[in-house]
Protein backbone atom coordinates (compact mmCIF):
# COMPACT_ATOMS: atom_id res chain seq x y z
CA UNK A 1 -0.17 0.11 0.20
CA UNK A 2 1.12 3.57 -0.96
CA UNK A 3 -0.03 5.95 1.58
CA UNK A 4 -0.06 10.07 0.36
CA UNK A 5 -2.79 12.78 1.99
CA UNK A 6 -3.57 14.59 -0.07
CA UNK A 7 -6.92 15.61 0.74
CA UNK A 8 -8.43 17.77 3.23
CA UNK A 9 -12.28 17.63 5.12
CA UNK A 10 -13.06 20.40 1.64
CA UNK A 11 -10.81 19.78 -1.20
CA UNK A 12 -7.28 19.54 -2.56
CA UNK A 13 -4.14 20.55 -0.08
CA UNK A 14 -1.82 20.92 -2.95
CA UNK A 15 -2.91 21.20 -6.61
CA UNK A 16 -4.16 18.25 -8.93
CA UNK A 17 -1.46 18.88 -11.72
CA UNK A 18 0.87 19.03 -8.12
CA UNK A 19 -0.20 15.27 -7.19
CA UNK A 20 0.14 13.92 -11.16
CA UNK A 21 3.40 15.91 -11.52
CA UNK A 22 5.40 15.78 -8.63
CA UNK A 23 4.12 12.74 -6.29
CA UNK A 24 2.84 10.55 -8.28
CA UNK A 25 5.34 9.79 -11.15
CA UNK A 26 6.81 8.95 -8.30
CA UNK A 27 4.54 5.60 -8.52
CA UNK A 28 5.05 4.82 -11.84
CA UNK A 29 6.81 1.28 -10.85
CA UNK A 30 4.29 -0.13 -7.95
CA UNK A 31 1.90 -1.62 -10.10
CA UNK A 32 4.61 -3.96 -11.63
CA UNK A 33 6.24 -4.57 -8.24
CA UNK A 34 2.46 -5.96 -7.18
CA UNK A 35 1.92 -7.80 -10.00
CA UNK A 36 4.80 -10.11 -9.02
CA UNK A 37 4.03 -11.17 -6.40
CA UNK A 38 0.58 -11.22 -7.14
CA UNK A 39 -0.74 -8.09 -5.24
CA UNK A 40 -2.65 -5.83 -5.03
CA UNK A 41 -2.24 -2.21 -5.11
CA UNK A 42 -4.04 -0.15 -2.44
CA UNK A 43 -3.35 3.85 -2.49
CA UNK A 44 -3.90 5.30 1.18
CA UNK A 45 -4.80 9.10 0.47
CA UNK A 46 -7.39 10.61 3.43
CA UNK A 47 -10.31 13.72 2.07
CA UNK A 48 -11.73 14.73 -0.47
CA UNK A 49 -9.93 13.02 -3.15
CA UNK A 50 -12.16 12.11 -5.84
CA UNK A 51 -10.48 14.38 -9.09
CA UNK A 52 -6.84 12.39 -7.69
CA UNK A 53 -9.44 8.96 -8.23
CA UNK A 54 -9.02 8.84 -12.03
CA UNK A 55 -4.90 9.75 -11.55
CA UNK A 56 -4.95 6.45 -9.63
CA UNK A 57 -6.98 4.44 -11.55
CA UNK A 58 -4.36 5.46 -13.86
CA UNK A 59 -1.25 3.85 -12.19
CA UNK A 60 -3.94 0.52 -12.25
CA UNK A 61 -4.79 1.08 -8.33
CA UNK A 62 -7.24 -1.04 -7.04
CA UNK A 63 -8.39 -0.25 -3.84
CA UNK A 64 -9.30 3.24 -2.56
CA UNK A 65 -8.46 2.99 0.83
CA UNK A 66 -9.81 5.15 2.83
CA UNK A 67 -13.18 6.51 1.48
CA UNK A 68 -13.31 9.21 3.54
CA UNK A 69 -17.37 9.92 3.74
CA UNK A 70 -17.30 13.28 5.52
CA UNK A 71 -14.74 14.79 3.18
CA UNK A 72 -16.45 16.52 0.10
CA UNK A 73 -17.33 14.51 -2.97
CA UNK A 74 -17.27 11.65 -1.52
CA UNK A 75 -20.45 10.37 -2.56
CA UNK A 76 -20.19 6.58 -1.80
CA UNK A 77 -23.15 6.60 -3.68
CA UNK A 78 -21.36 8.67 -6.70
CA UNK A 79 -18.16 6.64 -5.98
CA UNK A 80 -19.69 3.46 -6.31
CA UNK A 81 -21.51 3.90 -9.61
CA UNK A 82 -18.93 5.59 -11.09
CA UNK A 83 -16.10 3.72 -10.56
CA UNK A 84 -16.85 0.99 -9.06
CA UNK A 85 -16.23 -2.15 -11.45
CA UNK A 86 -12.26 -0.44 -11.30
CA UNK A 87 -11.78 -0.39 -8.23
CA UNK A 88 -12.11 -1.76 -4.86
CA UNK A 89 -13.04 -0.37 -1.53
CA UNK A 90 -11.95 0.42 1.86
CA UNK A 91 -13.45 2.73 4.91
CA UNK A 92 -16.28 4.47 4.39
CA UNK A 93 -18.15 4.33 8.67
CA UNK A 94 -17.41 7.80 9.46
CA UNK A 95 -15.17 8.77 12.39
CA UNK A 96 -16.13 12.08 12.52
CA UNK A 97 -20.15 12.67 13.29
CA UNK A 98 -21.16 8.95 12.73
CA UNK A 99 -19.83 6.32 15.07
CA UNK A 100 -19.14 9.44 17.78
CA UNK A 101 -22.16 11.38 17.45
CA UNK A 102 -25.15 8.85 16.83
CA UNK A 103 -27.48 7.28 18.45
CA UNK A 104 -26.64 3.31 17.55
CA UNK A 105 -30.12 3.15 15.77
CA UNK A 106 -28.59 5.14 13.33
CA UNK A 107 -25.23 3.81 12.97
CA UNK A 108 -27.05 0.55 11.79
CA UNK A 109 -28.95 2.11 9.30
CA UNK A 110 -25.82 4.09 7.67
CA UNK A 111 -23.84 1.29 8.48
CA UNK A 112 -26.29 -0.82 6.37
CA UNK A 113 -26.85 1.74 3.66
CA UNK A 114 -23.36 1.64 2.90
CA UNK A 115 -22.94 -1.86 2.91
CA UNK A 116 -25.51 -1.95 0.74
CA UNK A 117 -23.87 0.80 -1.45
CA UNK A 118 -20.32 -0.51 -1.50
CA UNK A 119 -20.87 -4.08 -1.37
CA UNK A 120 -22.93 -4.81 -4.68
CA UNK A 121 -21.46 -7.08 -7.05
CA UNK A 122 -18.50 -6.66 -4.66
CA UNK A 123 -15.45 -4.32 -4.91
CA UNK A 124 -15.91 -3.04 -0.77
CA UNK A 125 -13.24 -4.10 2.31
CA UNK A 126 -15.94 -3.10 4.90
CA UNK A 127 -14.11 -0.85 8.45
CA UNK A 128 -14.40 2.35 9.47
CA UNK A 129 -13.25 5.27 7.39
CA UNK A 130 -9.81 5.97 9.75
CA UNK A 131 -9.33 5.03 13.21
CA UNK A 132 -12.09 4.79 16.12
CA UNK A 133 -11.87 7.70 18.87
CA UNK A 134 -11.88 7.00 22.65
CA UNK A 135 -15.02 9.30 22.63
CA UNK A 136 -16.54 6.79 20.19
CA UNK A 137 -19.20 5.27 22.42
CA UNK A 138 -18.66 1.18 22.99
CA UNK A 139 -22.71 0.41 21.30
CA UNK A 140 -21.90 2.15 18.71
CA UNK A 141 -18.99 -0.03 17.24
CA UNK A 142 -21.14 -3.13 18.16
CA UNK A 143 -23.64 -1.95 16.63
CA UNK A 144 -21.77 -1.42 13.55
CA UNK A 145 -20.36 -5.08 13.45
CA UNK A 146 -23.27 -6.19 14.06
CA UNK A 147 -24.81 -5.26 10.83
CA UNK A 148 -22.23 -7.66 8.82
CA UNK A 149 -21.62 -10.38 11.09
CA UNK A 150 -25.24 -10.25 12.14
CA UNK A 151 -25.36 -13.43 14.97
CA UNK A 152 -21.61 -14.45 14.06
CA UNK A 153 -20.73 -11.85 15.78
CA UNK A 154 -21.91 -12.78 19.68
CA UNK A 155 -21.13 -16.46 19.26
CA UNK A 156 -17.65 -17.42 20.62
């Protein structure tokens, strides 16, 4: 996995031209290296990075990590419709508002929606969009996993 953070909550930190011509050029050989070992090329960048996604696809990135849904333009339905046949999405369970501030029922509803949208026809790795912080109620974390694991979550 390659790690670069291009985005803020509102947009890119640097111009798209700089991302393409001053950063991503260093990753040109990564697809061949990953492929040689039978691995998928995953790329990490937080924030509002939707303008960069076509450039990541040009690099043969297979997995976008994370999908930070709290950032502008990172709508999961739009991303899945536009890139779902080319990318696997990882994350998309909001750690800014949803998990720490919403009710258990709201968490379950949003997680189900997210799994339904991004998981349709495959191409989704379920997890939070970032680290789960100490201000997150445990019941919300458990609710998140209950949605995808159901009764298996509580089996020993």
